[in-house]
PDB file of N, CA and C in Angstrom:
ATOM      1  N   MET A   1      -7.516  39.647 -36.200  1.00  0.00           N
ATOM      2  CA  MET A   1      -8.355  38.876 -37.084  1.00  0.00           C
ATOM      3  C   MET A   1      -9.067  39.830 -38.026  1.00  0.00           C
ATOM      4  N   ASN A   2      -9.012  39.528 -39.309  1.00  0.00           N
ATOM      5  CA  ASN A   2      -9.734  40.347 -40.284  1.00  0.00           C
ATOM      6  C   ASN A   2     -11.037  39.632 -40.686  1.00  0.00           C
ATOM      7  N   LYS A   3     -11.792  40.248 -41.575  1.00  0.00           N
ATOM      8  CA  LYS A   3     -13.096  39.712 -41.954  1.00  0.00           C
ATOM      9  C   LYS A   3     -12.977  38.304 -42.555  1.00  0.00           C
ATOM     10  N   GLY A   4     -12.005  38.082 -43.431  1.00  0.00           N
ATOM     11  CA  GLY A   4     -11.823  36.765 -44.040  1.00  0.00           C
ATOM     12  C   GLY A   4     -11.517  35.687 -43.020  1.00  0.00           C
ATOM     13  N   GLU A   5     -10.672  36.023 -42.058  1.00  0.00           N
ATOM     14  CA  GLU A   5     -10.340  35.073 -40.994  1.00  0.00           C
ATOM     15  C   GLU A   5     -11.547  34.798 -40.109  1.00  0.00           C
ATOM     16  N   LEU A   6     -12.355  35.812 -39.849  1.00  0.00           N
ATOM     17  CA  LEU A   6     -13.574  35.627 -39.059  1.00  0.00           C
ATOM     18  C   LEU A   6     -14.552  34.712 -39.782  1.00  0.00           C
ATOM     19  N   ILE A   7     -14.715  34.913 -41.074  1.00  0.00           N
ATOM     20  CA  ILE A   7     -15.611  34.057 -41.864  1.00  0.00           C
ATOM     21  C   ILE A   7     -15.129  32.614 -41.835  1.00  0.00           C
ATOM     22  N   ALA A   8     -13.828  32.408 -41.984  1.00  0.00           N
ATOM     23  CA  ALA A   8     -13.269  31.050 -41.938  1.00  0.00           C
ATOM     24  C   ALA A   8     -13.501  30.412 -40.570  1.00  0.00           C
ATOM     25  N   ALA A   9     -13.336  31.186 -39.497  1.00  0.00           N
ATOM     26  CA  ALA A   9     -13.560  30.669 -38.147  1.00  0.00           C
ATOM     27  C   ALA A   9     -15.028  30.308 -37.932  1.00  0.00           C
ATOM     28  N   ILE A  10     -15.928  31.129 -38.428  1.00  0.00           N
ATOM     29  CA  ILE A  10     -17.362  30.842 -38.305  1.00  0.00           C
ATOM     30  C   ILE A  10     -17.709  29.572 -39.084  1.00  0.00           C
ATOM     31  N   ALA A  11     -17.201  29.455 -40.297  1.00  0.00           N
ATOM     32  CA  ALA A  11     -17.476  28.277 -41.125  1.00  0.00           C
ATOM     33  C   ALA A  11     -16.987  27.006 -40.444  1.00  0.00           C
ATOM     34  N   GLU A  12     -15.821  27.066 -39.832  1.00  0.00           N
ATOM     35  CA  GLU A  12     -15.251  25.892 -39.175  1.00  0.00           C
ATOM     36  C   GLU A  12     -15.977  25.554 -37.870  1.00  0.00           C
ATOM     37  N   ARG A  13     -16.240  26.565 -37.087  1.00  0.00           N
ATOM     38  CA  ARG A  13     -16.813  26.325 -35.749  1.00  0.00           C
ATOM     39  C   ARG A  13     -18.277  25.911 -35.786  1.00  0.00           C
ATOM     40  N   TYR A  14     -19.047  26.483 -36.694  1.00  0.00           N
ATOM     41  CA  TYR A  14     -20.483  26.226 -36.697  1.00  0.00           C
ATOM     42  C   TYR A  14     -20.945  25.368 -37.856  1.00  0.00           C
ATOM     43  N   TYR A  15     -20.034  24.670 -38.485  1.00  0.00           N
ATOM     44  CA  TYR A  15     -20.343  23.646 -39.488  1.00  0.00           C
ATOM     45  C   TYR A  15     -21.161  24.153 -40.664  1.00  0.00           C
ATOM     46  N   PHE A  16     -20.914  25.392 -41.086  1.00  0.00           N
ATOM     47  CA  PHE A  16     -21.526  25.849 -42.322  1.00  0.00           C
ATOM     48  C   PHE A  16     -20.905  25.029 -43.439  1.00  0.00           C
ATOM     49  N   GLY A  17     -21.648  24.817 -44.506  1.00  0.00           N
ATOM     50  CA  GLY A  17     -21.128  24.000 -45.597  1.00  0.00           C
ATOM     51  C   GLY A  17     -19.862  24.568 -46.199  1.00  0.00           C
ATOM     52  N   ASN A  18     -19.770  25.876 -46.249  1.00  0.00           N
ATOM     53  CA  ASN A  18     -18.590  26.508 -46.839  1.00  0.00           C
ATOM     54  C   ASN A  18     -18.482  27.954 -46.355  1.00  0.00           C
ATOM     55  N   LYS A  19     -17.442  28.614 -46.814  1.00  0.00           N
ATOM     56  CA  LYS A  19     -17.212  29.991 -46.382  1.00  0.00           C
ATOM     57  C   LYS A  19     -18.275  30.950 -46.921  1.00  0.00           C
ATOM     58  N   ALA A  20     -18.843  30.648 -48.082  1.00  0.00           N
ATOM     59  CA  ALA A  20     -19.868  31.534 -48.654  1.00  0.00           C
ATOM     60  C   ALA A  20     -21.096  31.587 -47.749  1.00  0.00           C
ATOM     61  N   GLU A  21     -21.495  30.457 -47.195  1.00  0.00           N
ATOM     62  CA  GLU A  21     -22.648  30.449 -46.273  1.00  0.00           C
ATOM     63  C   GLU A  21     -22.313  31.192 -44.983  1.00  0.00           C
ATOM     64  N   ALA A  22     -21.101  31.004 -44.477  1.00  0.00           N
ATOM     65  CA  ALA A  22     -20.681  31.719 -43.267  1.00  0.00           C
ATOM     66  C   ALA A  22     -20.644  33.219 -43.528  1.00  0.00           C
ATOM     67  N   GLU A  23     -20.191  33.621 -44.720  1.00  0.00           N
ATOM     68  CA  GLU A  23     -20.148  35.042 -45.062  1.00  0.00           C
ATOM     69  C   GLU A  23     -21.550  35.624 -45.141  1.00  0.00           C
ATOM     70  N   ARG A  24     -22.503  34.885 -45.692  1.00  0.00           N
ATOM     71  CA  ARG A  24     -23.897  35.352 -45.746  1.00  0.00           C
ATOM     72  C   ARG A  24     -24.466  35.520 -44.342  1.00  0.00           C
ATOM     73  N   ALA A  25     -24.140  34.588 -43.452  1.00  0.00           N
ATOM     74  CA  ALA A  25     -24.621  34.678 -42.073  1.00  0.00           C
ATOM     75  C   ALA A  25     -24.036  35.899 -41.374  1.00  0.00           C
ATOM     76  N   LEU A  26     -22.740  36.126 -41.528  1.00  0.00           N
ATOM     77  CA  LEU A  26     -22.094  37.289 -40.917  1.00  0.00           C
ATOM     78  C   LEU A  26     -22.676  38.580 -41.475  1.00  0.00           C
ATOM     79  N   LYS A  27     -22.872  38.634 -42.786  1.00  0.00           N
ATOM     80  CA  LYS A  27     -23.440  39.825 -43.423  1.00  0.00           C
ATOM     81  C   LYS A  27     -24.858  40.085 -42.912  1.00  0.00           C
ATOM     82  N   ALA A  28     -25.639  39.029 -42.743  1.00  0.00           N
ATOM     83  CA  ALA A  28     -27.004  39.186 -42.233  1.00  0.00           C
ATOM     84  C   ALA A  28     -26.990  39.778 -40.823  1.00  0.00           C
ATOM     85  N   VAL A  29     -26.083  39.316 -39.992  1.00  0.00           N
ATOM     86  CA  VAL A  29     -25.997  39.822 -38.618  1.00  0.00           C
ATOM     87  C   VAL A  29     -25.550  41.276 -38.608  1.00  0.00           C
ATOM     88  N   THR A  30     -24.465  41.588 -39.313  1.00  0.00           N
ATOM     89  CA  THR A  30     -23.950  42.964 -39.278  1.00  0.00           C
ATOM     90  C   THR A  30     -24.910  43.947 -39.937  1.00  0.00           C
ATOM     91  N   ASP A  31     -25.546  43.538 -41.044  1.00  0.00           N
ATOM     92  CA  ASP A  31     -26.522  44.425 -41.689  1.00  0.00           C
ATOM     93  C   ASP A  31     -27.726  44.673 -40.794  1.00  0.00           C
ATOM     94  N   SER A  32     -28.174  43.633 -40.096  1.00  0.00           N
ATOM     95  CA  SER A  32     -29.325  43.779 -39.196  1.00  0.00           C
ATOM     96  C   SER A  32     -29.002  44.704 -38.034  1.00  0.00           C
ATOM     97  N   ILE A  33     -27.816  44.555 -37.459  1.00  0.00           N
ATOM     98  CA  ILE A  33     -27.413  45.424 -36.353  1.00  0.00           C
ATOM     99  C   ILE A  33     -27.336  46.872 -36.828  1.00  0.00           C
ATOM    100  N   ALA A  34     -26.712  47.101 -37.979  1.00  0.00           N
ATOM    101  CA  ALA A  34     -26.571  48.469 -38.498  1.00  0.00           C
ATOM    102  C   ALA A  34     -27.932  49.087 -38.806  1.00  0.00           C
ATOM    103  N   ALA A  35     -28.814  48.336 -39.459  1.00  0.00           N
ATOM    104  CA  ALA A  35     -30.123  48.868 -39.834  1.00  0.00           C
ATOM    105  C   ALA A  35     -30.968  49.183 -38.603  1.00  0.00           C
ATOM    106  N   GLU A  36     -30.987  48.287 -37.632  1.00  0.00           N
ATOM    107  CA  GLU A  36     -31.806  48.515 -36.437  1.00  0.00           C
ATOM    108  C   GLU A  36     -31.234  49.619 -35.552  1.00  0.00           C
ATOM    109  N   THR A  37     -29.913  49.730 -35.483  1.00  0.00           N
ATOM    110  CA  THR A  37     -29.314  50.819 -34.712  1.00  0.00           C
ATOM    111  C   THR A  37     -29.674  52.161 -35.343  1.00  0.00           C
ATOM    112  N   ALA A  38     -29.620  52.235 -36.670  1.00  0.00           N
ATOM    113  CA  ALA A  38     -29.987  53.472 -37.362  1.00  0.00           C
ATOM    114  C   ALA A  38     -31.467  53.788 -37.183  1.00  0.00           C
ATOM    115  N   ARG A  39     -32.310  52.759 -37.219  1.00  0.00           N
ATOM    116  CA  ARG A  39     -33.766  52.964 -37.156  1.00  0.00           C
ATOM    117  C   ARG A  39     -34.244  53.270 -35.739  1.00  0.00           C
ATOM    118  N   THR A  40     -33.828  52.465 -34.760  1.00  0.00           N
ATOM    119  CA  THR A  40     -34.361  52.605 -33.403  1.00  0.00           C
ATOM    120  C   THR A  40     -33.414  53.295 -32.430  1.00  0.00           C
ATOM    121  N   GLY A  41     -32.119  53.336 -32.780  1.00  0.00           N
ATOM    122  CA  GLY A  41     -31.156  53.990 -31.910  1.00  0.00           C
ATOM    123  C   GLY A  41     -30.480  53.081 -30.914  1.00  0.00           C
ATOM    124  N   ARG A  42     -30.882  51.787 -30.865  1.00  0.00           N
ATOM    125  CA  ARG A  42     -30.288  50.901 -29.858  1.00  0.00           C
ATOM    126  C   ARG A  42     -30.523  49.445 -30.222  1.00  0.00           C
ATOM    127  N   VAL A  43     -29.459  48.653 -30.147  1.00  0.00           N
ATOM    128  CA  VAL A  43     -29.548  47.199 -30.295  1.00  0.00           C
ATOM    129  C   VAL A  43     -28.784  46.597 -29.128  1.00  0.00           C
ATOM    130  N   ALA A  44     -29.478  45.792 -28.319  1.00  0.00           N
ATOM    131  CA  ALA A  44     -28.858  45.156 -27.162  1.00  0.00           C
ATOM    132  C   ALA A  44     -28.812  43.652 -27.392  1.00  0.00           C
ATOM    133  N   ILE A  45     -27.630  43.087 -27.283  1.00  0.00           N
ATOM    134  CA  ILE A  45     -27.444  41.641 -27.401  1.00  0.00           C
ATOM    135  C   ILE A  45     -26.982  41.172 -26.029  1.00  0.00           C
ATOM    136  N   SER A  46     -27.857  40.493 -25.329  1.00  0.00           N
ATOM    137  CA  SER A  46     -27.604  40.097 -23.954  1.00  0.00           C
ATOM    138  C   SER A  46     -26.265  39.373 -23.821  1.00  0.00           C
ATOM    139  N   GLY A  47     -25.426  39.857 -22.913  1.00  0.00           N
ATOM    140  CA  GLY A  47     -24.134  39.256 -22.664  1.00  0.00           C
ATOM    141  C   GLY A  47     -23.036  39.723 -23.596  1.00  0.00           C
ATOM    142  N   PHE A  48     -23.394  40.176 -24.798  1.00  0.00           N
ATOM    143  CA  PHE A  48     -22.395  40.618 -25.770  1.00  0.00           C
ATOM    144  C   PHE A  48     -22.154  42.115 -25.660  1.00  0.00           C
ATOM    145  N   GLY A  49     -23.233  42.908 -25.765  1.00  0.00           N
ATOM    146  CA  GLY A  49     -23.078  44.349 -25.650  1.00  0.00           C
ATOM    147  C   GLY A  49     -24.234  45.119 -26.240  1.00  0.00           C
ATOM    148  N   ILE A  50     -24.104  46.431 -26.221  1.00  0.00           N
ATOM    149  CA  ILE A  50     -25.150  47.334 -26.686  1.00  0.00           C
ATOM    150  C   ILE A  50     -24.571  48.284 -27.729  1.00  0.00           C
ATOM    151  N   PHE A  51     -25.228  48.346 -28.874  1.00  0.00           N
ATOM    152  CA  PHE A  51     -24.916  49.326 -29.911  1.00  0.00           C
ATOM    153  C   PHE A  51     -25.915  50.454 -29.748  1.00  0.00           C
ATOM    154  N   GLU A  52     -25.420  51.678 -29.584  1.00  0.00           N
ATOM    155  CA  GLU A  52     -26.299  52.804 -29.288  1.00  0.00           C
ATOM    156  C   GLU A  52     -25.954  53.989 -30.180  1.00  0.00           C
ATOM    157  N   LYS A  53     -26.976  54.523 -30.865  1.00  0.00           N
ATOM    158  CA  LYS A  53     -26.775  55.698 -31.721  1.00  0.00           C
ATOM    159  C   LYS A  53     -26.845  56.951 -30.866  1.00  0.00           C
ATOM    160  N   LEU A  54     -25.828  57.811 -30.992  1.00  0.00           N
ATOM    161  CA  LEU A  54     -25.768  59.063 -30.259  1.00  0.00           C
ATOM    162  C   LEU A  54     -25.590  60.209 -31.249  1.00  0.00           C
ATOM    163  N   HIS A  55     -25.843  61.418 -30.778  1.00  0.00           N
ATOM    164  CA  HIS A  55     -25.742  62.599 -31.637  1.00  0.00           C
ATOM    165  C   HIS A  55     -24.700  63.550 -31.069  1.00  0.00           C
ATOM    166  N   ARG A  56     -23.826  64.037 -31.926  1.00  0.00           N
ATOM    167  CA  ARG A  56     -22.824  65.022 -31.529  1.00  0.00           C
ATOM    168  C   ARG A  56     -23.154  66.331 -32.227  1.00  0.00           C
ATOM    169  N   GLU A  57     -23.293  67.384 -31.454  1.00  0.00           N
ATOM    170  CA  GLU A  57     -23.604  68.708 -31.995  1.00  0.00           C
ATOM    171  C   GLU A  57     -22.408  69.278 -32.761  1.00  0.00           C
ATOM    172  N   ALA A  58     -22.681  70.243 -33.618  1.00  0.00           N
ATOM    173  CA  ALA A  58     -21.613  70.946 -34.327  1.00  0.00           C
ATOM    174  C   ALA A  58     -20.743  71.666 -33.307  1.00  0.00           C
ATOM    175  N   ARG A  59     -19.449  71.735 -33.593  1.00  0.00           N
ATOM    176  CA  ARG A  59     -18.550  72.365 -32.638  1.00  0.00           C
ATOM    177  C   ARG A  59     -17.290  72.826 -33.355  1.00  0.00           C
ATOM    178  N   ILE A  60     -16.464  73.556 -32.640  1.00  0.00           N
ATOM    179  CA  ILE A  60     -15.176  73.989 -33.178  1.00  0.00           C
ATOM    180  C   ILE A  60     -14.117  73.040 -32.629  1.00  0.00           C
ATOM    181  N   VAL A  61     -13.281  72.519 -33.516  1.00  0.00           N
ATOM    182  CA  VAL A  61     -12.219  71.594 -33.111  1.00  0.00           C
ATOM    183  C   VAL A  61     -10.866  72.217 -33.441  1.00  0.00           C
ATOM    184  N   ARG A  62      -9.831  71.654 -32.842  1.00  0.00           N
ATOM    185  CA  ARG A  62      -8.483  72.177 -33.037  1.00  0.00           C
ATOM    186  C   ARG A  62      -7.559  71.049 -33.471  1.00  0.00           C
ATOM    187  N   ASN A  63      -6.755  71.316 -34.490  1.00  0.00           N
ATOM    188  CA  ASN A  63      -5.740  70.368 -34.917  1.00  0.00           C
ATOM    189  C   ASN A  63      -4.612  70.425 -33.895  1.00  0.00           C
ATOM    190  N   PRO A  64      -4.326  69.323 -33.181  1.00  0.00           N
ATOM    191  CA  PRO A  64      -3.312  69.394 -32.124  1.00  0.00           C
ATOM    192  C   PRO A  64      -1.898  69.658 -32.647  1.00  0.00           C
ATOM    193  N   LYS A  65      -1.650  69.317 -33.896  1.00  0.00           N
ATOM    194  CA  LYS A  65      -0.314  69.515 -34.454  1.00  0.00           C
ATOM    195  C   LYS A  65      -0.062  70.969 -34.838  1.00  0.00           C
ATOM    196  N   THR A  66      -1.062  71.582 -35.475  1.00  0.00           N
ATOM    197  CA  THR A  66      -0.866  72.952 -35.969  1.00  0.00           C
ATOM    198  C   THR A  66      -1.554  74.003 -35.108  1.00  0.00           C
ATOM    199  N   GLY A  67      -2.515  73.590 -34.318  1.00  0.00           N
ATOM    200  CA  GLY A  67      -3.272  74.540 -33.517  1.00  0.00           C
ATOM    201  C   GLY A  67      -4.392  75.218 -34.294  1.00  0.00           C
ATOM    202  N   ALA A  68      -4.523  74.912 -35.591  1.00  0.00           N
ATOM    203  CA  ALA A  68      -5.568  75.524 -36.424  1.00  0.00           C
ATOM    204  C   ALA A  68      -6.945  75.062 -35.957  1.00  0.00           C
ATOM    205  N   ARG A  69      -7.866  75.997 -35.962  1.00  0.00           N
ATOM    206  CA  ARG A  69      -9.244  75.669 -35.564  1.00  0.00           C
ATOM    207  C   ARG A  69     -10.107  75.554 -36.808  1.00  0.00           C
ATOM    208  N   LYS A  70     -11.098  74.663 -36.724  1.00  0.00           N
ATOM    209  CA  LYS A  70     -12.047  74.536 -37.829  1.00  0.00           C
ATOM    210  C   LYS A  70     -13.383  74.046 -37.286  1.00  0.00           C
ATOM    211  N   ASP A  71     -14.429  74.237 -38.072  1.00  0.00           N
ATOM    212  CA  ASP A  71     -15.764  73.803 -37.680  1.00  0.00           C
ATOM    213  C   ASP A  71     -15.936  72.322 -37.985  1.00  0.00           C
ATOM    214  N   ALA A  72     -16.529  71.596 -37.049  1.00  0.00           N
ATOM    215  CA  ALA A  72     -16.882  70.202 -37.261  1.00  0.00           C
ATOM    216  C   ALA A  72     -18.405  70.140 -37.304  1.00  0.00           C
ATOM    217  N   ASP A  73     -18.951  69.505 -38.319  1.00  0.00           N
ATOM    218  CA  ASP A  73     -20.397  69.399 -38.478  1.00  0.00           C
ATOM    219  C   ASP A  73     -21.003  68.490 -37.413  1.00  0.00           C
ATOM    220  N   GLU A  74     -22.293  68.663 -37.188  1.00  0.00           N
ATOM    221  CA  GLU A  74     -22.980  67.737 -36.295  1.00  0.00           C
ATOM    222  C   GLU A  74     -23.076  66.394 -36.993  1.00  0.00           C
ATOM    223  N   LYS A  75     -23.147  65.319 -36.190  1.00  0.00           N
ATOM    224  CA  LYS A  75     -23.261  63.999 -36.793  1.00  0.00           C
ATOM    225  C   LYS A  75     -23.758  62.991 -35.775  1.00  0.00           C
ATOM    226  N   ASP A  76     -24.308  61.905 -36.294  1.00  0.00           N
ATOM    227  CA  ASP A  76     -24.682  60.771 -35.470  1.00  0.00           C
ATOM    228  C   ASP A  76     -23.536  59.775 -35.505  1.00  0.00           C
ATOM    229  N   TYR A  77     -23.350  59.073 -34.405  1.00  0.00           N
ATOM    230  CA  TYR A  77     -22.319  58.053 -34.336  1.00  0.00           C
ATOM    231  C   TYR A  77     -22.802  56.922 -33.443  1.00  0.00           C
ATOM    232  N   VAL A  78     -22.103  55.793 -33.463  1.00  0.00           N
ATOM    233  CA  VAL A  78     -22.505  54.628 -32.690  1.00  0.00           C
ATOM    234  C   VAL A  78     -21.477  54.367 -31.605  1.00  0.00           C
ATOM    235  N   ARG A  79     -21.981  54.128 -30.406  1.00  0.00           N
ATOM    236  CA  ARG A  79     -21.134  53.729 -29.281  1.00  0.00           C
ATOM    237  C   ARG A  79     -21.448  52.274 -28.976  1.00  0.00           C
ATOM    238  N   PHE A  80     -20.423  51.489 -28.686  1.00  0.00           N
ATOM    239  CA  PHE A  80     -20.612  50.097 -28.277  1.00  0.00           C
ATOM    240  C   PHE A  80     -20.183  49.968 -26.828  1.00  0.00           C
ATOM    241  N   ARG A  81     -21.081  49.428 -26.018  1.00  0.00           N
ATOM    242  CA  ARG A  81     -20.753  49.144 -24.617  1.00  0.00           C
ATOM    243  C   ARG A  81     -20.706  47.636 -24.446  1.00  0.00           C
ATOM    244  N   ILE A  82     -19.621  47.141 -23.927  1.00  0.00           N
ATOM    245  CA  ILE A  82     -19.392  45.709 -23.815  1.00  0.00           C
ATOM    246  C   ILE A  82     -20.319  45.081 -22.772  1.00  0.00           C
ATOM    247  N   GLY A  83     -20.780  43.872 -23.070  1.00  0.00           N
ATOM    248  CA  GLY A  83     -21.640  43.127 -22.154  1.00  0.00           C
ATOM    249  C   GLY A  83     -20.829  42.352 -21.131  1.00  0.00           C
ATOM    250  N   THR A  84     -21.499  41.856 -20.107  1.00  0.00           N
ATOM    251  CA  THR A  84     -20.805  41.212 -18.992  1.00  0.00           C
ATOM    252  C   THR A  84     -20.125  39.899 -19.387  1.00  0.00           C
ATOM    253  N   ARG A  85     -20.796  39.055 -20.185  1.00  0.00           N
ATOM    254  CA  ARG A  85     -20.155  37.791 -20.587  1.00  0.00           C
ATOM    255  C   ARG A  85     -18.954  38.045 -21.481  1.00  0.00           C
ATOM    256  N   PHE A  86     -19.074  39.002 -22.398  1.00  0.00           N
ATOM    257  CA  PHE A  86     -17.966  39.360 -23.290  1.00  0.00           C
ATOM    258  C   PHE A  86     -16.802  39.877 -22.449  1.00  0.00           C
ATOM    259  N   GLU A  87     -17.080  40.758 -21.522  1.00  0.00           N
ATOM    260  CA  GLU A  87     -16.046  41.335 -20.680  1.00  0.00           C
ATOM    261  C   GLU A  87     -15.357  40.270 -19.838  1.00  0.00           C
ATOM    262  N   SER A  88     -16.111  39.308 -19.331  1.00  0.00           N
ATOM    263  CA  SER A  88     -15.499  38.271 -18.486  1.00  0.00           C
ATOM    264  C   SER A  88     -14.583  37.353 -19.300  1.00  0.00           C
ATOM    265  N   ARG A  89     -14.808  37.245 -20.603  1.00  0.00           N
ATOM    266  CA  ARG A  89     -13.893  36.467 -21.460  1.00  0.00           C
ATOM    267  C   ARG A  89     -12.592  37.215 -21.680  1.00  0.00           C
ATOM    268  N   LEU A  90     -12.642  38.553 -21.691  1.00  0.00           N
ATOM    269  CA  LEU A  90     -11.439  39.349 -21.873  1.00  0.00           C
ATOM    270  C   LEU A  90     -10.600  39.410 -20.599  1.00  0.00           C
ATOM    271  N   SER A  91     -11.275  39.586 -19.478  1.00  0.00           N
ATOM    272  CA  SER A  91     -10.600  39.704 -18.191  1.00  0.00           C
ATOM    273  C   SER A  91     -11.287  38.779 -17.189  1.00  0.00           C
ATOM    274  N   PRO A  92     -10.878  37.492 -17.148  1.00  0.00           N
ATOM    275  CA  PRO A  92     -11.533  36.564 -16.214  1.00  0.00           C
ATOM    276  C   PRO A  92     -11.387  37.054 -14.781  1.00  0.00           C
ATOM    277  N   PRO A  93     -12.437  36.858 -13.972  1.00  0.00           N
ATOM    278  CA  PRO A  93     -12.375  37.303 -12.571  1.00  0.00           C
ATOM    279  C   PRO A  93     -11.264  36.557 -11.817  1.00  0.00           C
ATOM    280  N   GLU A  94     -10.618  37.286 -10.933  1.00  0.00           N
ATOM    281  CA  GLU A  94      -9.567  36.678 -10.138  1.00  0.00           C
ATOM    282  C   GLU A  94     -10.174  35.872  -9.007  1.00  0.00           C
ATOM    283  N   GLY A  95      -9.448  34.866  -8.580  1.00  0.00           N
ATOM    284  CA  GLY A  95      -9.918  34.143  -7.409  1.00  0.00           C
ATOM    285  C   GLY A  95     -10.009  32.745  -7.662  1.00  0.00           C
TER     286      GLY A  95
END
């Protein structure tokens, strides 16, 4: 599913008047998650998952194809950990 398909699904499922309103809603959610993760370092959505900002120090990396080594700069990145309700939809419990 790409962004356009997601917007269409949101518009259909939640009775937004049209795709433009669904797109505004999706943009508001994703922008809010990105801004708060950058500002506070963590956004937790109960049952869905946790967005967490982490820091990676500068290091030397190796190109696996050529074996060439080069410096990689330090950087911040985001890790997503899946929530329990989300996970149970992907892999329903057996039994």
